[in-house]
Structure formats: C-alpha cells, structure tokens
Amino acid sequence: MNTFTATLSSKGQFTIPKPIRDRLAVQKGAKLEVAYSANGFVVKSKVKPRILELAGSLKKYDNGTPTNVAIERGLEIAAREIANE
C-alpha cells in the first residue's frame, strides 16, 4: 500500500494527493464517501450516481415523442458518457 502525507487546513480540509485522485478516477466536484472507524477513516469514490442526479440527463436527446428505439439509443449513449467520466 502506498501512503501519502496531507496537511489539514484551518477549515478542516485537506487535498487528496494526485496519485490517489487518479486511482479513484475523481475530478473536481466529485462526490466522495467518507467513513470512520476506530482505526482511522476511509475515503471512497461514489461510483453509483443517485437517481436524482441523473434526472434530465437524457433531455438533450429529445426530439419529440420517444420510441422504444430512441429510448434505448439514448440510454446507450448516456451510459457510455457516464462510464467515460
């Protein structure tokens, strides 16, 4: 396991070292899950977005009344975009 040192600011903030951010594939604005235990704490990337965060994500693919084919195509495109973020 690689370890890194981070300094806590007066506001209780610290910067996650770049190698860890890269490994978690997180970017500015990403939601992280933080948990603590008797041994310390763990930070995890929230991979599964909440359903409310997805609301409206397919709107740009709307061109009228959707058909089953259009719905499937929009879902495929959105899934690829989410997977590549």
N, C-alpha and C. Protein backbone atom coordinates (compact mmCIF):
# COMPACT_ATOMS: atom_id res chain seq x y z
N MET A 1 0.85 -1.18 0.00
CA MET A 1 0.00 0.00 0.00
C MET A 1 0.89 1.24 0.00
N ASN A 2 0.58 2.17 -0.89
CA ASN A 2 1.30 3.45 -0.93
C ASN A 2 0.68 4.40 0.08
N THR A 3 1.51 5.16 0.77
CA THR A 3 1.00 6.15 1.72
C THR A 3 1.47 7.53 1.31
N PHE A 4 0.67 8.52 1.63
CA PHE A 4 0.96 9.91 1.30
C PHE A 4 0.65 10.76 2.52
N THR A 5 1.26 11.92 2.59
CA THR A 5 1.01 12.85 3.68
C THR A 5 0.18 14.01 3.16
N ALA A 6 -0.87 14.35 3.90
CA ALA A 6 -1.71 15.50 3.56
C ALA A 6 -1.80 16.37 4.80
N THR A 7 -1.85 17.68 4.62
CA THR A 7 -1.92 18.62 5.73
C THR A 7 -3.33 19.14 5.87
N LEU A 8 -3.85 19.13 7.09
CA LEU A 8 -5.19 19.61 7.37
C LEU A 8 -5.17 21.13 7.50
N SER A 9 -6.07 21.81 6.79
CA SER A 9 -6.12 23.27 6.84
C SER A 9 -6.90 23.73 8.07
N SER A 10 -6.91 25.03 8.31
CA SER A 10 -7.66 25.58 9.45
C SER A 10 -9.16 25.37 9.28
N LYS A 11 -9.61 25.11 8.05
CA LYS A 11 -11.03 24.86 7.79
C LYS A 11 -11.37 23.37 7.85
N GLY A 12 -10.40 22.55 8.23
CA GLY A 12 -10.63 21.11 8.32
C GLY A 12 -10.57 20.42 6.96
N GLN A 13 -9.93 21.02 5.99
CA GLN A 13 -9.84 20.47 4.64
C GLN A 13 -8.43 19.96 4.37
N PHE A 14 -8.34 18.97 3.49
CA PHE A 14 -7.04 18.55 3.00
C PHE A 14 -7.18 18.15 1.54
N THR A 15 -6.07 18.20 0.84
CA THR A 15 -6.06 17.84 -0.58
C THR A 15 -5.70 16.37 -0.71
N ILE A 16 -6.52 15.65 -1.45
CA ILE A 16 -6.22 14.24 -1.71
C ILE A 16 -5.08 14.23 -2.73
N PRO A 17 -3.98 13.55 -2.42
CA PRO A 17 -2.84 13.54 -3.33
C PRO A 17 -3.22 13.05 -4.73
N LYS A 18 -2.59 13.63 -5.75
CA LYS A 18 -2.92 13.33 -7.13
C LYS A 18 -2.88 11.85 -7.47
N PRO A 19 -1.90 11.07 -7.02
CA PRO A 19 -1.91 9.64 -7.36
C PRO A 19 -3.18 8.93 -6.86
N ILE A 20 -3.69 9.37 -5.71
CA ILE A 20 -4.92 8.77 -5.18
C ILE A 20 -6.12 9.23 -6.00
N ARG A 21 -6.17 10.52 -6.34
CA ARG A 21 -7.27 11.04 -7.18
C ARG A 21 -7.28 10.31 -8.52
N ASP A 22 -6.10 10.10 -9.09
CA ASP A 22 -6.02 9.39 -10.36
C ASP A 22 -6.51 7.95 -10.22
N ARG A 23 -6.11 7.30 -9.15
CA ARG A 23 -6.51 5.90 -8.92
C ARG A 23 -8.01 5.78 -8.71
N LEU A 24 -8.61 6.75 -8.01
CA LEU A 24 -10.06 6.74 -7.79
C LEU A 24 -10.82 7.30 -8.99
N ALA A 25 -10.10 7.87 -9.94
CA ALA A 25 -10.72 8.49 -11.13
C ALA A 25 -11.72 9.56 -10.73
N VAL A 26 -11.32 10.43 -9.80
CA VAL A 26 -12.19 11.52 -9.37
C VAL A 26 -11.65 12.84 -9.90
N GLN A 27 -12.58 13.75 -10.16
CA GLN A 27 -12.23 15.07 -10.65
C GLN A 27 -12.89 16.12 -9.77
N LYS A 28 -12.59 17.38 -10.05
CA LYS A 28 -13.17 18.49 -9.30
C LYS A 28 -14.69 18.34 -9.25
N GLY A 29 -15.25 18.50 -8.07
CA GLY A 29 -16.70 18.41 -7.90
C GLY A 29 -17.22 17.01 -7.65
N ALA A 30 -16.34 16.01 -7.69
CA ALA A 30 -16.78 14.63 -7.47
C ALA A 30 -17.28 14.45 -6.04
N LYS A 31 -18.25 13.58 -5.87
CA LYS A 31 -18.77 13.25 -4.54
C LYS A 31 -17.96 12.08 -4.00
N LEU A 32 -17.51 12.21 -2.77
CA LEU A 32 -16.74 11.16 -2.12
C LEU A 32 -17.48 10.72 -0.86
N GLU A 33 -17.33 9.47 -0.53
CA GLU A 33 -17.94 8.92 0.68
C GLU A 33 -16.83 8.77 1.72
N VAL A 34 -17.03 9.33 2.90
CA VAL A 34 -16.03 9.27 3.96
C VAL A 34 -16.63 8.53 5.14
N ALA A 35 -15.91 7.54 5.65
CA ALA A 35 -16.37 6.77 6.81
C ALA A 35 -15.23 6.69 7.81
N TYR A 36 -15.57 6.61 9.08
CA TYR A 36 -14.54 6.49 10.10
C TYR A 36 -14.77 5.25 10.95
N SER A 37 -13.68 4.79 11.56
CA SER A 37 -13.73 3.65 12.46
C SER A 37 -12.68 3.87 13.54
N ALA A 38 -12.51 2.91 14.39
CA ALA A 38 -11.52 3.02 15.46
C ALA A 38 -10.10 3.10 14.90
N ASN A 39 -9.90 2.59 13.69
CA ASN A 39 -8.57 2.54 13.08
C ASN A 39 -8.24 3.75 12.20
N GLY A 40 -9.18 4.65 12.00
CA GLY A 40 -8.94 5.79 11.12
C GLY A 40 -10.15 6.07 10.26
N PHE A 41 -9.92 6.50 9.03
CA PHE A 41 -11.04 6.75 8.14
C PHE A 41 -10.73 6.27 6.72
N VAL A 42 -11.79 6.12 5.94
CA VAL A 42 -11.69 5.63 4.58
C VAL A 42 -12.43 6.61 3.67
N VAL A 43 -11.85 6.91 2.52
CA VAL A 43 -12.49 7.76 1.51
C VAL A 43 -12.71 6.90 0.27
N LYS A 44 -13.96 6.87 -0.20
CA LYS A 44 -14.28 6.09 -1.40
C LYS A 44 -14.97 6.98 -2.42
N SER A 45 -14.71 6.69 -3.67
CA SER A 45 -15.40 7.38 -4.75
C SER A 45 -16.82 6.86 -4.83
N LYS A 46 -17.79 7.77 -4.98
CA LYS A 46 -19.18 7.36 -5.13
C LYS A 46 -19.41 7.04 -6.60
N VAL A 47 -19.25 5.79 -6.96
CA VAL A 47 -19.34 5.36 -8.35
C VAL A 47 -20.77 5.38 -8.86
N LYS A 48 -21.69 4.91 -8.05
CA LYS A 48 -23.08 4.82 -8.47
C LYS A 48 -23.78 6.15 -8.20
N PRO A 49 -24.15 6.87 -9.26
CA PRO A 49 -24.84 8.15 -9.04
C PRO A 49 -26.25 7.93 -8.52
N ARG A 50 -26.71 8.84 -7.72
CA ARG A 50 -28.07 8.77 -7.23
C ARG A 50 -29.02 9.04 -8.39
N ILE A 51 -30.19 8.43 -8.34
CA ILE A 51 -31.16 8.57 -9.43
C ILE A 51 -31.52 10.03 -9.67
N LEU A 52 -31.58 10.84 -8.62
CA LEU A 52 -31.93 12.24 -8.79
C LEU A 52 -30.85 13.01 -9.54
N GLU A 53 -29.59 12.57 -9.42
CA GLU A 53 -28.51 13.23 -10.14
C GLU A 53 -28.59 12.95 -11.64
N LEU A 54 -29.31 11.89 -12.02
CA LEU A 54 -29.47 11.54 -13.43
C LEU A 54 -30.66 12.23 -14.07
N ALA A 55 -31.50 12.85 -13.26
CA ALA A 55 -32.71 13.49 -13.78
C ALA A 55 -32.35 14.50 -14.86
N GLY A 56 -32.99 14.39 -16.00
CA GLY A 56 -32.76 15.32 -17.10
C GLY A 56 -31.53 15.02 -17.94
N SER A 57 -30.79 13.98 -17.63
CA SER A 57 -29.55 13.71 -18.35
C SER A 57 -29.79 13.29 -19.80
N LEU A 58 -30.99 12.84 -20.13
CA LEU A 58 -31.29 12.42 -21.49
C LEU A 58 -32.02 13.49 -22.29
N LYS A 59 -32.27 14.64 -21.67
CA LYS A 59 -33.06 15.69 -22.33
C LYS A 59 -32.45 16.14 -23.65
N LYS A 60 -31.14 16.17 -23.75
CA LYS A 60 -30.51 16.64 -24.99
C LYS A 60 -30.76 15.69 -26.16
N TYR A 61 -31.24 14.48 -25.88
CA TYR A 61 -31.53 13.51 -26.94
C TYR A 61 -33.01 13.53 -27.34
N ASP A 62 -33.79 14.44 -26.75
CA ASP A 62 -35.23 14.52 -27.00
C ASP A 62 -35.50 15.21 -28.33
N ASN A 63 -36.24 14.55 -29.19
CA ASN A 63 -36.65 15.17 -30.46
C ASN A 63 -38.14 14.94 -30.70
N GLY A 64 -38.92 14.91 -29.67
CA GLY A 64 -40.36 14.68 -29.79
C GLY A 64 -40.76 13.48 -28.96
N THR A 65 -41.80 12.81 -29.41
CA THR A 65 -42.29 11.63 -28.69
C THR A 65 -41.29 10.50 -28.85
N PRO A 66 -40.79 9.97 -27.74
CA PRO A 66 -39.78 8.92 -27.85
C PRO A 66 -40.38 7.58 -28.27
N THR A 67 -39.62 6.86 -29.05
CA THR A 67 -39.98 5.49 -29.40
C THR A 67 -39.09 4.57 -28.57
N ASN A 68 -39.40 3.30 -28.57
CA ASN A 68 -38.56 2.35 -27.83
C ASN A 68 -37.12 2.38 -28.34
N VAL A 69 -36.96 2.51 -29.65
CA VAL A 69 -35.62 2.56 -30.23
C VAL A 69 -34.89 3.81 -29.76
N ALA A 70 -35.59 4.95 -29.76
CA ALA A 70 -34.97 6.20 -29.31
C ALA A 70 -34.60 6.13 -27.84
N ILE A 71 -35.46 5.53 -27.04
CA ILE A 71 -35.17 5.39 -25.61
C ILE A 71 -33.93 4.53 -25.41
N GLU A 72 -33.87 3.39 -26.10
CA GLU A 72 -32.71 2.50 -25.97
C GLU A 72 -31.43 3.20 -26.43
N ARG A 73 -31.51 3.93 -27.52
CA ARG A 73 -30.33 4.64 -28.05
C ARG A 73 -29.85 5.71 -27.07
N GLY A 74 -30.78 6.47 -26.51
CA GLY A 74 -30.43 7.49 -25.53
C GLY A 74 -29.79 6.89 -24.29
N LEU A 75 -30.32 5.76 -23.84
CA LEU A 75 -29.75 5.09 -22.66
C LEU A 75 -28.33 4.59 -22.95
N GLU A 76 -28.12 4.06 -24.14
CA GLU A 76 -26.78 3.59 -24.51
C GLU A 76 -25.77 4.73 -24.55
N ILE A 77 -26.17 5.84 -25.15
CA ILE A 77 -25.27 7.00 -25.24
C ILE A 77 -24.97 7.55 -23.85
N ALA A 78 -26.00 7.70 -23.03
CA ALA A 78 -25.81 8.22 -21.68
C ALA A 78 -24.93 7.29 -20.85
N ALA A 79 -25.13 5.99 -20.98
CA ALA A 79 -24.33 5.02 -20.22
C ALA A 79 -22.86 5.12 -20.62
N ARG A 80 -22.59 5.29 -21.92
CA ARG A 80 -21.20 5.43 -22.37
C ARG A 80 -20.58 6.72 -21.83
N GLU A 81 -21.34 7.81 -21.85
CA GLU A 81 -20.82 9.09 -21.34
C GLU A 81 -20.53 9.01 -19.85
N ILE A 82 -21.42 8.38 -19.10
CA ILE A 82 -21.22 8.24 -17.66
C ILE A 82 -20.00 7.37 -17.38
N ALA A 83 -19.85 6.29 -18.15
CA ALA A 83 -18.72 5.38 -17.95
C ALA A 83 -17.39 6.06 -18.25
N ASN A 84 -17.39 7.04 -19.15
CA ASN A 84 -16.16 7.73 -19.53
C ASN A 84 -15.83 8.92 -18.66
N GLU A 85 -16.67 9.29 -17.72
CA GLU A 85 -16.41 10.46 -16.85
C GLU A 85 -15.37 10.13 -15.82
